[in-house]
């Protein structure tokens, strides 16, 4: 049966302490606490900087069943805007994420809202993306001085498949050409609930579906009602039924809604025994 993995986007939020995280829980234990409750966690910090040594520690501190989605760097998506990014991609993969080994899940590439659909640009970027951990290791060897040689991880312990998902935020991607291009490359088009601010497109373009729930009514703030969670559960189960793995991450963290909404969706998607 296809897998359903439901979790949270990030886990280090001061507002969660004393609410989702019990009073007195050391900050260094928050990842373990979250990983005990969710089968997958989306790493957000990788969007802002190269994390280097953190990945191996996160792998060691989480259960075997844990899968991490990793958000690609904004230097690639927002600053370089996907153009001339072979070396930045090499730096990203050399920065240590291959240390996650079998816990490395989908890689998320969030595009800026000011970047319209350009088939040549997007197609060139998709062609650069490694599809296995061995390919990622080979790419990582062309890193530059931004990743010091003695800190670069340029090998993979096993040849494992890599999945990629693209989150778009410009209305021009709502077209057959964009869907067709992503489908040709087997890259998932993220289903993003963004309170109506950016497009929500529910086209299946890969063998898995990647969902990001940023807030039903107010971005990053509002929670999901029982009825809304029922609706999302119906979609998740329908995707699973046709053989698609589904990854869902809640990013409505401001008012501590993400972990509780994630648990609510997990309950609705749990197998009936």
Protein backbone atom coordinates (compact mmCIF):
# COMPACT_ATOMS: atom_id res chain seq x y z
CA UNK A 1 0.00 0.00 0.00
CA UNK A 2 1.18 3.52 -0.73
CA UNK A 3 2.47 5.45 2.26
CA UNK A 4 0.91 8.42 4.00
CA UNK A 5 3.28 10.58 6.04
CA UNK A 6 1.89 13.53 7.95
CA UNK A 7 3.98 15.95 9.96
CA UNK A 8 5.09 19.49 10.66
CA UNK A 9 7.22 22.06 8.89
CA UNK A 10 10.06 22.81 11.31
CA UNK A 11 9.99 22.05 15.01
CA UNK A 12 11.91 24.82 16.83
CA UNK A 13 9.28 27.41 17.75
CA UNK A 14 9.36 29.26 21.09
CA UNK A 15 5.57 29.56 21.11
CA UNK A 16 5.22 25.79 21.18
CA UNK A 17 7.07 25.49 24.49
CA UNK A 18 4.69 24.85 27.34
CA UNK A 19 1.93 24.09 24.83
CA UNK A 20 2.78 21.31 22.37
CA UNK A 21 6.10 20.76 24.11
CA UNK A 22 5.64 19.99 27.81
CA UNK A 23 6.83 22.48 30.39
CA UNK A 24 10.41 21.68 31.30
CA UNK A 25 11.26 19.76 28.13
CA UNK A 26 14.84 20.76 27.19
CA UNK A 27 15.06 22.49 23.83
CA UNK A 28 17.61 19.91 22.68
CA UNK A 29 14.91 17.23 23.10
CA UNK A 30 12.23 18.90 20.99
CA UNK A 31 13.11 17.06 17.80
CA UNK A 32 12.89 13.70 19.54
CA UNK A 33 9.54 14.65 21.06
CA UNK A 34 8.15 15.68 17.66
CA UNK A 35 9.60 12.67 15.83
CA UNK A 36 7.93 10.32 18.33
CA UNK A 37 4.57 11.76 17.26
CA UNK A 38 5.01 12.31 13.52
CA UNK A 39 6.42 9.99 10.87
CA UNK A 40 7.90 12.86 8.88
CA UNK A 41 9.24 16.35 9.52
CA UNK A 42 10.05 19.02 6.98
CA UNK A 43 13.42 20.70 7.54
CA UNK A 44 12.99 24.45 6.97
CA UNK A 45 16.33 25.80 8.17
CA UNK A 46 18.02 24.49 5.02
CA UNK A 47 16.15 27.17 3.07
CA UNK A 48 18.07 29.94 4.85
CA UNK A 49 21.61 28.59 5.00
CA UNK A 50 23.84 25.57 4.45
CA UNK A 51 23.46 23.49 7.61
CA UNK A 52 26.58 21.34 7.31
CA UNK A 53 26.87 19.03 10.34
CA UNK A 54 23.26 19.08 11.59
CA UNK A 55 21.86 16.30 9.40
CA UNK A 56 23.87 13.45 10.92
CA UNK A 57 22.82 14.51 14.41
CA UNK A 58 19.14 14.69 13.42
CA UNK A 59 19.34 11.22 11.93
CA UNK A 60 20.88 9.81 15.09
CA UNK A 61 18.28 11.41 17.36
CA UNK A 62 15.14 10.17 15.60
CA UNK A 63 13.39 6.80 15.26
CA UNK A 64 14.17 4.53 12.33
CA UNK A 65 10.76 5.25 10.80
CA UNK A 66 11.40 9.01 10.56
CA UNK A 67 11.63 10.58 7.11
CA UNK A 68 12.84 14.15 6.65
CA UNK A 69 11.76 16.34 3.78
CA UNK A 70 14.44 18.95 3.09
CA UNK A 71 13.71 22.42 1.75
CA UNK A 72 16.11 23.60 -0.92
CA UNK A 73 18.12 26.76 -0.39
CA UNK A 74 16.67 30.17 -1.17
CA UNK A 75 19.99 31.13 -2.78
CA UNK A 76 19.03 28.74 -5.57
CA UNK A 77 15.32 29.54 -5.81
CA UNK A 78 15.02 33.19 -4.76
CA UNK A 79 18.39 34.81 -5.37
CA UNK A 80 19.63 32.93 -8.42
CA UNK A 81 16.01 32.31 -9.47
CA UNK A 82 16.94 28.87 -10.88
CA UNK A 83 19.47 30.29 -13.37
CA UNK A 84 23.12 29.12 -13.42
CA UNK A 85 22.66 27.03 -10.30
CA UNK A 86 24.81 23.94 -10.89
CA UNK A 87 27.44 25.04 -8.37
CA UNK A 88 24.88 26.23 -5.78
CA UNK A 89 23.15 22.86 -6.15
CA UNK A 90 26.49 21.12 -5.63
CA UNK A 91 27.05 23.18 -2.48
CA UNK A 92 23.58 22.31 -1.21
CA UNK A 93 24.10 18.58 -1.64
CA UNK A 94 27.67 18.75 -0.29
CA UNK A 95 26.48 20.51 2.86
CA UNK A 96 25.60 17.25 4.60
CA UNK A 97 22.05 16.21 3.78
CA UNK A 98 23.25 12.88 2.37
CA UNK A 99 24.12 12.00 5.97
CA UNK A 100 20.39 11.44 6.47
CA UNK A 101 20.79 8.22 4.47
CA UNK A 102 17.49 6.29 4.26
CA UNK A 103 15.78 9.04 6.28
CA UNK A 104 16.14 11.51 3.40
CA UNK A 105 12.70 12.06 1.92
CA UNK A 106 11.49 14.48 -0.75
CA UNK A 107 13.39 17.65 -1.55
CA UNK A 108 11.22 20.76 -1.67
CA UNK A 109 11.93 23.66 -4.02
CA UNK A 110 9.75 26.65 -3.20
CA UNK A 111 9.73 29.26 -5.96
CA UNK A 112 9.24 32.98 -5.24
CA UNK A 113 5.90 34.61 -6.12
CA UNK A 114 7.71 36.96 -8.52
CA UNK A 115 9.01 34.12 -10.70
CA UNK A 116 6.59 33.34 -13.56
CA UNK A 117 6.55 30.12 -15.51
CA UNK A 118 9.39 29.95 -18.04
CA UNK A 119 9.56 26.47 -19.62
CA UNK A 120 13.21 26.81 -20.61
CA UNK A 121 14.32 28.00 -17.19
CA UNK A 122 12.28 25.46 -15.23
CA UNK A 123 13.17 22.64 -17.58
CA UNK A 124 16.90 23.33 -17.27
CA UNK A 125 16.61 23.36 -13.49
CA UNK A 126 14.68 20.10 -13.39
CA UNK A 127 17.30 18.44 -15.58
CA UNK A 128 20.00 19.35 -13.05
CA UNK A 129 18.25 17.68 -10.12
CA UNK A 130 19.84 14.36 -9.11
CA UNK A 131 17.44 11.42 -9.00
CA UNK A 132 19.49 9.13 -6.76
CA UNK A 133 21.76 9.65 -3.79
CA UNK A 134 24.73 8.47 -5.87
CA UNK A 135 23.96 11.13 -8.49
CA UNK A 136 23.65 13.70 -5.69
CA UNK A 137 27.05 12.67 -4.34
CA UNK A 138 28.58 13.01 -7.81
CA UNK A 139 27.07 16.47 -8.19
CA UNK A 140 28.27 17.50 -4.73
CA UNK A 141 31.90 16.98 -5.74
CA UNK A 142 31.75 20.13 -7.85
CA UNK A 143 31.10 22.30 -4.79
CA UNK A 144 33.07 25.50 -4.34
CA UNK A 145 34.73 27.18 -1.35
CA UNK A 146 31.38 27.95 0.29
CA UNK A 147 31.55 24.39 1.55
CA UNK A 148 34.99 23.74 2.99
CA UNK A 149 36.60 20.58 1.67
CA UNK A 150 37.05 19.07 5.10
CA UNK A 151 33.36 19.59 5.89
CA UNK A 152 31.85 18.55 2.58
CA UNK A 153 29.97 15.26 2.35
CA UNK A 154 30.44 14.00 -1.19
CA UNK A 155 29.55 10.34 -0.90
CA UNK A 156 26.37 8.34 -0.33
CA UNK A 157 26.26 5.21 1.79
CA UNK A 158 23.77 3.54 -0.58
CA UNK A 159 22.16 4.25 -3.94
CA UNK A 160 18.68 5.42 -2.96
CA UNK A 161 16.09 7.20 -5.11
CA UNK A 162 15.56 10.92 -4.59
CA UNK A 163 12.24 12.67 -5.04
CA UNK A 164 11.69 16.35 -5.78
CA UNK A 165 8.69 18.65 -5.36
CA UNK A 166 8.23 22.21 -6.60
CA UNK A 167 5.98 24.71 -4.82
CA UNK A 168 4.92 27.49 -7.20
CA UNK A 169 3.58 30.88 -6.20
CA UNK A 170 2.81 32.54 -9.52
CA UNK A 171 -0.51 32.11 -11.31
CA UNK A 172 1.21 31.48 -14.65
CA UNK A 173 2.03 27.91 -13.53
CA UNK A 174 -1.65 27.07 -13.73
CA UNK A 175 -1.29 25.83 -17.29
CA UNK A 176 -0.99 22.57 -19.20
CA UNK A 177 2.59 23.31 -20.23
CA UNK A 178 3.84 23.60 -16.65
CA UNK A 179 2.01 20.47 -15.57
CA UNK A 180 3.30 18.56 -18.57
CA UNK A 181 6.90 19.66 -17.94
CA UNK A 182 6.84 18.59 -14.30
CA UNK A 183 5.21 15.30 -15.28
CA UNK A 184 7.89 14.62 -17.89
CA UNK A 185 10.54 14.99 -15.18
CA UNK A 186 8.57 13.07 -12.53
CA UNK A 187 8.67 16.06 -10.17
CA UNK A 188 5.68 16.68 -7.89
CA UNK A 189 3.75 19.92 -8.09
CA UNK A 190 3.12 20.87 -4.48
CA UNK A 191 -0.50 21.16 -3.40
CA UNK A 192 -0.30 24.30 -1.26
CA UNK A 193 -3.14 25.69 0.83
CA UNK A 194 -2.11 29.32 1.19
CA UNK A 195 -5.35 31.01 2.28
CA UNK A 196 -5.97 32.11 -1.30
CA UNK A 197 -2.81 34.22 -1.52
CA UNK A 198 -1.10 32.10 -4.19
CA UNK A 199 -2.39 29.39 -6.54
CA UNK A 200 -3.57 26.06 -5.20
CA UNK A 201 -3.09 23.55 -8.01
CA UNK A 202 -4.00 19.90 -7.49
CA UNK A 203 -2.47 18.24 -10.54
CA UNK A 204 -0.64 14.95 -9.96
CA UNK A 205 2.70 15.07 -11.77
CA UNK A 206 4.71 12.33 -10.05
CA UNK A 207 4.34 9.03 -8.19
CA UNK A 208 3.81 10.93 -4.96
CA UNK A 209 1.88 13.96 -3.74
CA UNK A 210 3.40 16.68 -1.56
CA UNK A 211 0.98 18.84 0.40
CA UNK A 212 1.81 21.98 2.42
CA UNK A 213 -0.95 23.42 4.59
CA UNK A 214 -0.05 26.99 5.52
CA UNK A 215 -3.40 28.03 7.02
CA UNK A 216 -7.02 27.82 5.92
CA UNK A 217 -7.96 31.49 6.32
CA UNK A 218 -4.85 33.39 7.41
CA UNK A 219 -1.38 32.46 6.20
CA UNK A 220 0.75 30.67 8.85
CA UNK A 221 -1.77 31.56 11.57
CA UNK A 222 -5.22 29.99 11.27
CA UNK A 223 -5.96 26.40 12.14
CA UNK A 224 -8.15 23.87 10.38
CA UNK A 225 -11.66 23.00 11.49
CA UNK A 226 -12.82 19.43 11.81
CA UNK A 227 -14.69 19.79 8.54
CA UNK A 228 -11.58 21.11 6.79
CA UNK A 229 -9.49 18.22 8.11
CA UNK A 230 -12.18 15.79 6.95
CA UNK A 231 -11.93 17.26 3.45
CA UNK A 232 -8.14 17.01 3.38
CA UNK A 233 -8.28 13.46 4.72
CA UNK A 234 -10.62 12.50 1.88
CA UNK A 235 -8.12 13.86 -0.64
CA UNK A 236 -5.16 12.14 1.01
CA UNK A 237 -6.93 8.77 1.13
CA UNK A 238 -8.06 9.14 -2.49
CA UNK A 239 -4.47 9.74 -3.60
CA UNK A 240 -3.28 6.76 -1.59
CA UNK A 241 -6.01 4.58 -3.06
CA UNK A 242 -4.64 5.07 -6.58
CA UNK A 243 -1.12 4.13 -5.44
CA UNK A 244 0.41 7.52 -4.69
CA UNK A 245 2.59 8.11 -1.64
CA UNK A 246 1.43 11.25 0.17
CA UNK A 247 3.47 13.65 2.31
CA UNK A 248 1.60 16.35 4.22
CA UNK A 249 3.21 19.12 6.28
CA UNK A 250 1.44 21.73 8.37
CA UNK A 251 3.10 25.15 8.34
CA UNK A 252 0.51 27.12 10.34
CA UNK A 253 2.83 27.44 13.30
CA UNK A 254 2.24 30.97 14.63
CA UNK A 255 -0.58 30.06 17.03
CA UNK A 256 0.58 26.49 17.71
CA UNK A 257 -1.97 25.00 15.33
CA UNK A 258 0.42 22.93 13.18
CA UNK A 259 1.11 19.98 15.50
CA UNK A 260 -2.50 19.63 16.61
CA UNK A 261 -3.86 19.88 13.08
CA UNK A 262 -1.28 17.31 11.96
CA UNK A 263 -2.41 14.91 14.69
CA UNK A 264 -6.03 15.50 13.72
CA UNK A 265 -5.32 14.62 10.10
CA UNK A 266 -3.32 11.56 11.15
CA UNK A 267 -6.29 10.26 13.12
CA UNK A 268 -8.57 10.70 10.11
CA UNK A 269 -6.15 8.91 7.78
CA UNK A 270 -5.26 6.05 10.11
CA UNK A 271 -6.16 2.56 8.87
CA UNK A 272 -9.35 1.13 10.36
CA UNK A 273 -8.49 -2.07 12.22
